[in-house]
C-alpha atoms as a PDB file:
ATOM      1  CA  UNK A   1     -29.168  34.489  43.687  1.00  0.00           C
ATOM      2  CA  UNK A   2     -30.900  32.845  46.634  1.00  0.00           C
ATOM      3  CA  UNK A   3     -28.808  31.697  49.574  1.00  0.00           C
ATOM      4  CA  UNK A   4     -29.572  29.111  52.223  1.00  0.00           C
ATOM      5  CA  UNK A   5     -29.880  30.035  55.893  1.00  0.00           C
ATOM      6  CA  UNK A   6     -26.399  28.617  56.411  1.00  0.00           C
ATOM      7  CA  UNK A   7     -25.029  30.927  53.755  1.00  0.00           C
ATOM      8  CA  UNK A   8     -26.793  33.951  55.244  1.00  0.00           C
ATOM      9  CA  UNK A   9     -25.324  33.167  58.670  1.00  0.00           C
ATOM     10  CA  UNK A  10     -21.816  33.471  57.242  1.00  0.00           C
ATOM     11  CA  UNK A  11     -22.302  36.756  55.368  1.00  0.00           C
ATOM     12  CA  UNK A  12     -20.093  39.521  56.780  1.00  0.00           C
ATOM     13  CA  UNK A  13     -18.126  42.521  55.467  1.00  0.00           C
ATOM     14  CA  UNK A  14     -15.099  40.287  54.880  1.00  0.00           C
ATOM     15  CA  UNK A  15     -17.058  37.871  52.642  1.00  0.00           C
ATOM     16  CA  UNK A  16     -17.709  38.623  48.971  1.00  0.00           C
ATOM     17  CA  UNK A  17     -21.264  37.716  47.921  1.00  0.00           C
ATOM     18  CA  UNK A  18     -20.802  38.282  44.186  1.00  0.00           C
ATOM     19  CA  UNK A  19     -20.384  34.889  42.533  1.00  0.00           C
ATOM     20  CA  UNK A  20     -18.378  34.385  39.359  1.00  0.00           C
ATOM     21  CA  UNK A  21     -20.317  33.892  36.134  1.00  0.00           C
ATOM     22  CA  UNK A  22     -19.721  30.157  36.091  1.00  0.00           C
ATOM     23  CA  UNK A  23     -18.457  27.490  38.443  1.00  0.00           C
ATOM     24  CA  UNK A  24     -18.099  23.798  37.552  1.00  0.00           C
ATOM     25  CA  UNK A  25     -20.091  21.133  39.317  1.00  0.00           C
ATOM     26  CA  UNK A  26     -18.701  20.528  42.834  1.00  0.00           C
ATOM     27  CA  UNK A  27     -16.294  19.695  44.156  1.00  0.00           C
ATOM     28  CA  UNK A  28     -14.102  22.165  42.240  1.00  0.00           C
ATOM     29  CA  UNK A  29     -10.344  22.421  42.693  1.00  0.00           C
ATOM     30  CA  UNK A  30      -8.101  25.404  43.329  1.00  0.00           C
ATOM     31  CA  UNK A  31      -7.648  25.788  39.554  1.00  0.00           C
ATOM     32  CA  UNK A  32     -11.398  26.239  39.115  1.00  0.00           C
ATOM     33  CA  UNK A  33     -12.148  28.531  42.064  1.00  0.00           C
ATOM     34  CA  UNK A  34     -11.651  32.328  42.244  1.00  0.00           C
ATOM     35  CA  UNK A  35      -8.348  33.181  43.888  1.00  0.00           C
ATOM     36  CA  UNK A  36      -8.221  36.982  43.639  1.00  0.00           C
ATOM     37  CA  UNK A  37     -10.625  39.821  44.403  1.00  0.00           C
ATOM     38  CA  UNK A  38      -8.225  42.658  43.617  1.00  0.00           C
ATOM     39  CA  UNK A  39      -8.290  44.065  47.161  1.00  0.00           C
ATOM     40  CA  UNK A  40      -4.830  44.982  48.538  1.00  0.00           C
ATOM     41  CA  UNK A  41      -3.660  44.816  52.140  1.00  0.00           C
ATOM     42  CA  UNK A  42      -4.734  47.774  54.265  1.00  0.00           C
ATOM     43  CA  UNK A  43      -1.346  49.338  55.072  1.00  0.00           C
ATOM     44  CA  UNK A  44       2.324  48.818  54.310  1.00  0.00           C
ATOM     45  CA  UNK A  45       2.967  47.878  57.939  1.00  0.00           C
ATOM     46  CA  UNK A  46       0.303  45.185  57.751  1.00  0.00           C
ATOM     47  CA  UNK A  47       1.829  43.871  54.509  1.00  0.00           C
ATOM     48  CA  UNK A  48       5.377  43.888  55.912  1.00  0.00           C
ATOM     49  CA  UNK A  49       4.207  42.189  59.117  1.00  0.00           C
ATOM     50  CA  UNK A  50       2.474  39.465  57.122  1.00  0.00           C
ATOM     51  CA  UNK A  51       5.589  38.962  54.981  1.00  0.00           C
ATOM     52  CA  UNK A  52       7.856  38.788  58.049  1.00  0.00           C
ATOM     53  CA  UNK A  53       5.813  35.992  59.598  1.00  0.00           C
ATOM     54  CA  UNK A  54       5.519  34.056  56.327  1.00  0.00           C
ATOM     55  CA  UNK A  55       9.135  34.515  55.192  1.00  0.00           C
ATOM     56  CA  UNK A  56      10.708  33.309  58.430  1.00  0.00           C
ATOM     57  CA  UNK A  57       8.358  30.372  58.951  1.00  0.00           C
ATOM     58  CA  UNK A  58       8.712  29.227  55.343  1.00  0.00           C
ATOM     59  CA  UNK A  59      12.481  28.875  55.860  1.00  0.00           C
ATOM     60  CA  UNK A  60      11.774  26.763  58.947  1.00  0.00           C
ATOM     61  CA  UNK A  61       9.287  24.562  57.100  1.00  0.00           C
ATOM     62  CA  UNK A  62      11.701  24.183  54.181  1.00  0.00           C
ATOM     63  CA  UNK A  63      14.302  22.762  56.556  1.00  0.00           C
ATOM     64  CA  UNK A  64      11.686  20.236  57.740  1.00  0.00           C
ATOM     65  CA  UNK A  65      10.848  19.296  54.160  1.00  0.00           C
ATOM     66  CA  UNK A  66       7.079  19.668  54.576  1.00  0.00           C
ATOM     67  CA  UNK A  67       4.361  22.134  55.483  1.00  0.00           C
ATOM     68  CA  UNK A  68       2.797  25.213  53.912  1.00  0.00           C
ATOM     69  CA  UNK A  69       2.516  28.837  55.047  1.00  0.00           C
ATOM     70  CA  UNK A  70       0.858  31.720  53.251  1.00  0.00           C
ATOM     71  CA  UNK A  71      -1.706  34.428  53.808  1.00  0.00           C
ATOM     72  CA  UNK A  72      -4.291  36.803  52.419  1.00  0.00           C
ATOM     73  CA  UNK A  73      -5.638  34.180  50.004  1.00  0.00           C
ATOM     74  CA  UNK A  74      -9.020  32.493  49.698  1.00  0.00           C
ATOM     75  CA  UNK A  75      -9.654  29.565  52.010  1.00  0.00           C
ATOM     76  CA  UNK A  76     -12.499  27.288  50.886  1.00  0.00           C
ATOM     77  CA  UNK A  77     -13.761  25.053  53.662  1.00  0.00           C
ATOM     78  CA  UNK A  78     -17.310  24.298  52.469  1.00  0.00           C
ATOM     79  CA  UNK A  79     -18.905  23.708  49.072  1.00  0.00           C
ATOM     80  CA  UNK A  80     -21.436  26.438  49.920  1.00  0.00           C
ATOM     81  CA  UNK A  81     -18.655  28.954  49.288  1.00  0.00           C
ATOM     82  CA  UNK A  82     -18.322  27.813  45.681  1.00  0.00           C
ATOM     83  CA  UNK A  83     -21.816  29.181  45.108  1.00  0.00           C
ATOM     84  CA  UNK A  84     -20.944  32.771  45.913  1.00  0.00           C
ATOM     85  CA  UNK A  85     -19.552  33.012  49.448  1.00  0.00           C
ATOM     86  CA  UNK A  86     -15.827  33.530  49.005  1.00  0.00           C
ATOM     87  CA  UNK A  87     -14.159  33.555  52.388  1.00  0.00           C
ATOM     88  CA  UNK A  88     -11.085  35.801  52.314  1.00  0.00           C
ATOM     89  CA  UNK A  89      -8.665  33.767  54.336  1.00  0.00           C
ATOM     90  CA  UNK A  90      -6.378  34.674  57.209  1.00  0.00           C
ATOM     91  CA  UNK A  91      -3.529  37.149  57.016  1.00  0.00           C
ATOM     92  CA  UNK A  92      -1.224  34.233  57.886  1.00  0.00           C
ATOM     93  CA  UNK A  93      -2.019  30.531  58.061  1.00  0.00           C
ATOM     94  CA  UNK A  94       0.054  27.380  58.476  1.00  0.00           C
ATOM     95  CA  UNK A  95      -0.710  23.777  57.536  1.00  0.00           C
ATOM     96  CA  UNK A  96       1.518  20.983  58.776  1.00  0.00           C
ATOM     97  CA  UNK A  97       1.923  17.535  57.262  1.00  0.00           C
ATOM     98  CA  UNK A  98       1.235  18.651  53.698  1.00  0.00           C
ATOM     99  CA  UNK A  99       3.595  18.820  50.708  1.00  0.00           C
ATOM    100  CA  UNK A 100       5.326  22.079  49.975  1.00  0.00           C
ATOM    101  CA  UNK A 101       4.528  23.868  46.742  1.00  0.00           C
ATOM    102  CA  UNK A 102       2.455  26.641  45.231  1.00  0.00           C
ATOM    103  CA  UNK A 103      -1.304  26.935  45.762  1.00  0.00           C
ATOM    104  CA  UNK A 104      -3.744  29.389  44.203  1.00  0.00           C
ATOM    105  CA  UNK A 105      -6.207  29.002  47.091  1.00  0.00           C
ATOM    106  CA  UNK A 106      -6.455  26.719  50.087  1.00  0.00           C
ATOM    107  CA  UNK A 107      -9.238  24.239  49.320  1.00  0.00           C
ATOM    108  CA  UNK A 108      -9.872  22.047  52.352  1.00  0.00           C
ATOM    109  CA  UNK A 109     -11.398  19.093  50.484  1.00  0.00           C
ATOM    110  CA  UNK A 110      -8.506  19.145  48.009  1.00  0.00           C
ATOM    111  CA  UNK A 111      -5.708  19.530  50.567  1.00  0.00           C
ATOM    112  CA  UNK A 112      -7.293  17.119  53.027  1.00  0.00           C
ATOM    113  CA  UNK A 113      -7.293  19.484  55.994  1.00  0.00           C
ATOM    114  CA  UNK A 114      -7.931  22.999  57.257  1.00  0.00           C
ATOM    115  CA  UNK A 115      -5.037  25.180  58.452  1.00  0.00           C
ATOM    116  CA  UNK A 116      -3.449  24.258  61.781  1.00  0.00           C
ATOM    117  CA  UNK A 117      -2.490  27.783  62.835  1.00  0.00           C
ATOM    118  CA  UNK A 118      -4.058  31.129  61.903  1.00  0.00           C
ATOM    119  CA  UNK A 119      -2.882  34.680  62.619  1.00  0.00           C
ATOM    120  CA  UNK A 120      -5.022  37.739  61.951  1.00  0.00           C
ATOM    121  CA  UNK A 121      -3.552  41.249  61.879  1.00  0.00           C
ATOM    122  CA  UNK A 122      -5.994  43.654  63.465  1.00  0.00           C
ATOM    123  CA  UNK A 123      -6.853  47.063  62.070  1.00  0.00           C
ATOM    124  CA  UNK A 124      -9.349  49.818  62.849  1.00  0.00           C
ATOM    125  CA  UNK A 125     -11.760  48.396  60.280  1.00  0.00           C
ATOM    126  CA  UNK A 126     -11.319  44.649  60.897  1.00  0.00           C
ATOM    127  CA  UNK A 127     -10.699  44.084  64.610  1.00  0.00           C
ATOM    128  CA  UNK A 128     -14.360  43.411  65.404  1.00  0.00           C
ATOM    129  CA  UNK A 129     -14.579  40.735  62.702  1.00  0.00           C
ATOM    130  CA  UNK A 130     -11.196  39.259  63.656  1.00  0.00           C
ATOM    131  CA  UNK A 131     -12.208  38.961  67.305  1.00  0.00           C
ATOM    132  CA  UNK A 132     -15.816  38.020  66.568  1.00  0.00           C
ATOM    133  CA  UNK A 133     -17.140  36.504  63.337  1.00  0.00           C
ATOM    134  CA  UNK A 134     -13.797  35.259  62.041  1.00  0.00           C
ATOM    135  CA  UNK A 135     -12.903  33.721  65.377  1.00  0.00           C
ATOM    136  CA  UNK A 136     -16.185  31.796  65.280  1.00  0.00           C
ATOM    137  CA  UNK A 137     -15.523  30.599  61.723  1.00  0.00           C
ATOM    138  CA  UNK A 138     -12.055  29.340  62.697  1.00  0.00           C
ATOM    139  CA  UNK A 139     -13.415  27.715  65.854  1.00  0.00           C
ATOM    140  CA  UNK A 140     -16.749  26.290  64.730  1.00  0.00           C
ATOM    141  CA  UNK A 141     -16.469  25.779  60.955  1.00  0.00           C
ATOM    142  CA  UNK A 142     -12.799  25.224  60.171  1.00  0.00           C
ATOM    143  CA  UNK A 143     -11.819  23.851  63.589  1.00  0.00           C
ATOM    144  CA  UNK A 144      -8.420  25.575  63.466  1.00  0.00           C
ATOM    145  CA  UNK A 145      -6.372  24.247  66.428  1.00  0.00           C
ATOM    146  CA  UNK A 146      -4.524  27.511  67.156  1.00  0.00           C
ATOM    147  CA  UNK A 147      -5.612  31.110  66.552  1.00  0.00           C
ATOM    148  CA  UNK A 148      -3.625  34.306  67.194  1.00  0.00           C
ATOM    149  CA  UNK A 149      -4.274  37.987  66.596  1.00  0.00           C
ATOM    150  CA  UNK A 150      -1.943  40.992  66.604  1.00  0.00           C
ATOM    151  CA  UNK A 151      -2.361  44.725  65.970  1.00  0.00           C
ATOM    152  CA  UNK A 152       0.732  46.099  64.147  1.00  0.00           C
ATOM    153  CA  UNK A 153      -0.150  49.640  65.267  1.00  0.00           C
ATOM    154  CA  UNK A 154      -0.921  48.615  68.854  1.00  0.00           C
ATOM    155  CA  UNK A 155       1.556  45.841  69.742  1.00  0.00           C
ATOM    156  CA  UNK A 156       0.047  45.428  73.201  1.00  0.00           C
ATOM    157  CA  UNK A 157      -3.054  43.950  71.568  1.00  0.00           C
ATOM    158  CA  UNK A 158      -2.009  40.393  70.845  1.00  0.00           C
ATOM    159  CA  UNK A 159      -3.387  37.100  72.051  1.00  0.00           C
ATOM    160  CA  UNK A 160      -3.397  33.389  71.260  1.00  0.00           C
ATOM    161  CA  UNK A 161      -5.916  30.582  71.684  1.00  0.00           C
ATOM    162  CA  UNK A 162      -5.881  26.791  71.455  1.00  0.00           C
ATOM    163  CA  UNK A 163      -8.935  24.742  70.533  1.00  0.00           C
ATOM    164  CA  UNK A 164     -10.069  22.460  73.355  1.00  0.00           C
ATOM    165  CA  UNK A 165     -13.430  20.761  73.671  1.00  0.00           C
ATOM    166  CA  UNK A 166     -14.945  22.881  70.913  1.00  0.00           C
ATOM    167  CA  UNK A 167     -13.897  26.220  72.399  1.00  0.00           C
ATOM    168  CA  UNK A 168     -10.836  28.462  72.297  1.00  0.00           C
ATOM    169  CA  UNK A 169      -8.845  28.644  75.514  1.00  0.00           C
ATOM    170  CA  UNK A 170      -6.408  31.523  75.953  1.00  0.00           C
ATOM    171  CA  UNK A 171      -2.728  30.595  75.709  1.00  0.00           C
ATOM    172  CA  UNK A 172      -0.578  31.850  78.577  1.00  0.00           C
ATOM    173  CA  UNK A 173       2.627  33.756  77.914  1.00  0.00           C
ATOM    174  CA  UNK A 174       5.830  32.230  79.229  1.00  0.00           C
ATOM    175  CA  UNK A 175       8.268  33.888  81.651  1.00  0.00           C
ATOM    176  CA  UNK A 176       9.861  35.781  78.753  1.00  0.00           C
ATOM    177  CA  UNK A 177       6.520  37.106  77.525  1.00  0.00           C
ATOM    178  CA  UNK A 178       6.280  34.778  74.514  1.00  0.00           C
ATOM    179  CA  UNK A 179       3.069  33.125  73.341  1.00  0.00           C
ATOM    180  CA  UNK A 180       3.643  29.422  72.638  1.00  0.00           C
ATOM    181  CA  UNK A 181       2.460  27.523  69.602  1.00  0.00           C
ATOM    182  CA  UNK A 182       2.394  23.951  70.917  1.00  0.00           C
ATOM    183  CA  UNK A 183       1.585  22.525  67.485  1.00  0.00           C
ATOM    184  CA  UNK A 184       4.638  24.093  65.863  1.00  0.00           C
ATOM    185  CA  UNK A 185       6.944  23.817  68.852  1.00  0.00           C
ATOM    186  CA  UNK A 186       7.677  27.508  68.354  1.00  0.00           C
ATOM    187  CA  UNK A 187       6.523  30.715  70.011  1.00  0.00           C
ATOM    188  CA  UNK A 188       5.546  34.244  69.024  1.00  0.00           C
ATOM    189  CA  UNK A 189       7.376  37.201  70.501  1.00  0.00           C
ATOM    190  CA  UNK A 190       7.453  40.979  70.177  1.00  0.00           C
ATOM    191  CA  UNK A 191      10.674  42.165  68.527  1.00  0.00           C
ATOM    192  CA  UNK A 192      11.712  45.796  68.251  1.00  0.00           C
ATOM    193  CA  UNK A 193      13.857  46.465  65.219  1.00  0.00           C
ATOM    194  CA  UNK A 194      13.949  47.389  61.538  1.00  0.00           C
ATOM    195  CA  UNK A 195      12.393  45.209  58.857  1.00  0.00           C
ATOM    196  CA  UNK A 196      12.712  46.282  55.216  1.00  0.00           C
ATOM    197  CA  UNK A 197      13.742  49.736  56.370  1.00  0.00           C
ATOM    198  CA  UNK A 198      10.672  50.159  58.580  1.00  0.00           C
ATOM    199  CA  UNK A 199      11.372  50.470  62.348  1.00  0.00           C
ATOM    200  CA  UNK A 200       8.779  49.234  64.771  1.00  0.00           C
ATOM    201  CA  UNK A 201       7.632  46.489  67.101  1.00  0.00           C
ATOM    202  CA  UNK A 202       7.028  43.338  65.090  1.00  0.00           C
ATOM    203  CA  UNK A 203       5.500  39.950  65.812  1.00  0.00           C
ATOM    204  CA  UNK A 204       8.033  37.204  65.086  1.00  0.00           C
ATOM    205  CA  UNK A 205       8.374  33.452  65.358  1.00  0.00           C
ATOM    206  CA  UNK A 206      10.983  32.181  67.802  1.00  0.00           C
ATOM    207  CA  UNK A 207      12.558  28.757  68.280  1.00  0.00           C
ATOM    208  CA  UNK A 208      12.566  26.693  71.465  1.00  0.00           C
ATOM    209  CA  UNK A 209      15.489  28.764  72.796  1.00  0.00           C
ATOM    210  CA  UNK A 210      13.618  32.015  72.203  1.00  0.00           C
ATOM    211  CA  UNK A 211      15.746  33.060  69.205  1.00  0.00           C
ATOM    212  CA  UNK A 212      13.796  34.761  66.399  1.00  0.00           C
ATOM    213  CA  UNK A 213      13.615  32.675  63.244  1.00  0.00           C
ATOM    214  CA  UNK A 214      15.851  34.511  60.751  1.00  0.00           C
ATOM    215  CA  UNK A 215      14.709  36.312  57.656  1.00  0.00           C
ATOM    216  CA  UNK A 216      16.452  35.551  54.371  1.00  0.00           C
ATOM    217  CA  UNK A 217      18.612  38.654  54.822  1.00  0.00           C
ATOM    218  CA  UNK A 218      19.516  37.809  58.421  1.00  0.00           C
ATOM    219  CA  UNK A 219      20.418  34.247  57.459  1.00  0.00           C
ATOM    220  CA  UNK A 220      22.605  35.498  54.625  1.00  0.00           C
ATOM    221  CA  UNK A 221      24.380  37.965  56.920  1.00  0.00           C
ATOM    222  CA  UNK A 222      24.901  35.217  59.483  1.00  0.00           C
ATOM    223  CA  UNK A 223      26.456  32.981  56.821  1.00  0.00           C
ATOM    224  CA  UNK A 224      28.685  35.844  55.708  1.00  0.00           C
ATOM    225  CA  UNK A 225      29.764  36.485  59.312  1.00  0.00           C
ATOM    226  CA  UNK A 226      30.623  32.799  59.775  1.00  0.00           C
ATOM    227  CA  UNK A 227      32.632  32.737  56.556  1.00  0.00           C
ATOM    228  CA  UNK A 228      34.435  35.938  57.539  1.00  0.00           C
ATOM    229  CA  UNK A 229      35.236  34.549  60.991  1.00  0.00           C
ATOM    230  CA  UNK A 230      36.444  31.297  59.423  1.00  0.00           C
ATOM    231  CA  UNK A 231      38.671  33.217  56.990  1.00  0.00           C
ATOM    232  CA  UNK A 232      40.074  35.368  59.792  1.00  0.00           C
ATOM    233  CA  UNK A 233      40.760  32.290  61.908  1.00  0.00           C
ATOM    234  CA  UNK A 234      42.527  30.641  58.991  1.00  0.00           C
ATOM    235  CA  UNK A 235      44.578  33.794  58.425  1.00  0.00           C
ATOM    236  CA  UNK A 236      45.567  33.891  62.108  1.00  0.00           C
ATOM    237  CA  UNK A 237      46.548  30.208  62.001  1.00  0.00           C
ATOM    238  CA  UNK A 238      48.658  30.882  58.923  1.00  0.00           C
ATOM    239  CA  UNK A 239      50.345  33.878  60.582  1.00  0.00           C
ATOM    240  CA  UNK A 240      50.989  31.860  63.739  1.00  0.00           C
ATOM    241  CA  UNK A 241      52.460  29.001  61.746  1.00  0.00           C
ATOM    242  CA  UNK A 242      54.674  31.402  59.792  1.00  0.00           C
ATOM    243  CA  UNK A 243      55.838  33.047  63.027  1.00  0.00           C
ATOM    244  CA  UNK A 244      56.627  29.674  64.604  1.00  0.00           C
ATOM    245  CA  UNK A 245      58.517  28.604  61.479  1.00  0.00           C
ATOM    246  CA  UNK A 246      60.531  31.848  61.482  1.00  0.00           C
ATOM    247  CA  UNK A 247      61.430  31.291  65.159  1.00  0.00           C
ATOM    248  CA  UNK A 248      62.599  27.735  64.414  1.00  0.00           C
ATOM    249  CA  UNK A 249      64.753  28.970  61.526  1.00  0.00           C
ATOM    250  CA  UNK A 250      66.306  31.630  63.717  1.00  0.00           C
ATOM    251  CA  UNK A 251      67.026  29.044  66.429  1.00  0.00           C
ATOM    252  CA  UNK A 252      68.584  26.687  63.865  1.00  0.00           C
ATOM    253  CA  UNK A 253      70.763  29.491  62.464  1.00  0.00           C
ATOM    254  CA  UNK A 254      71.975  30.388  65.970  1.00  0.00           C
ATOM    255  CA  UNK A 255      72.721  26.729  66.685  1.00  0.00           C
ATOM    256  CA  UNK A 256      74.810  26.459  63.528  1.00  0.00           C
ATOM    257  CA  UNK A 257      76.783  29.577  64.434  1.00  0.00           C
ATOM    258  CA  UNK A 258      77.559  28.080  67.845  1.00  0.00           C
END
């Protein structure tokens, strides 16, 4: 199949050139476009790191009632891709101002916008593309406002950029070492702990006060702790009331004896 010069300029190891047998006349929707190439994530740590970022931010978006976060799915930003160039999307991406709900792929002309925030997880085989070709696609083609990268096996290698005047400017870390996401009003921080039984240094979202956004398990434990504290407080109040009542009865009995 012949490709235009534009198509050739986008070909890279992270783009699949093999087109499906049939595609409908453009513009196709997410139901008509390929959404799976059968390639898994590279390592368990990469998969867990992706899930940690998506799980915690999805809870935050759910509380807002809008917005979408996902990762490792096709992102279609040009009709040229429907003719054989299937761009494997970011490890994590966020779109604000869109309805919540399931998507098979992120189709820019169907959703009305490209992602607002992208995070790529570096590896030994992808870091050159993530810092080179992919960065240029996010900057020049998709116009993603904020781009971050992070190496789960080398936590010191993490950076963030904001689009300004057609170029990415490096985001500065705050006094606590966090990278801000001005669009989200959140930040990214390095957190050392255990996630799904795997100890390590993880990249996590944090709120304006610098507190990590909780996972489902952490939120459930926090609720349980609050309920336990409330029950204990109620038990102490009941004991105190019973003690005070017993003291009043004893005082009344002594008064009657006198």
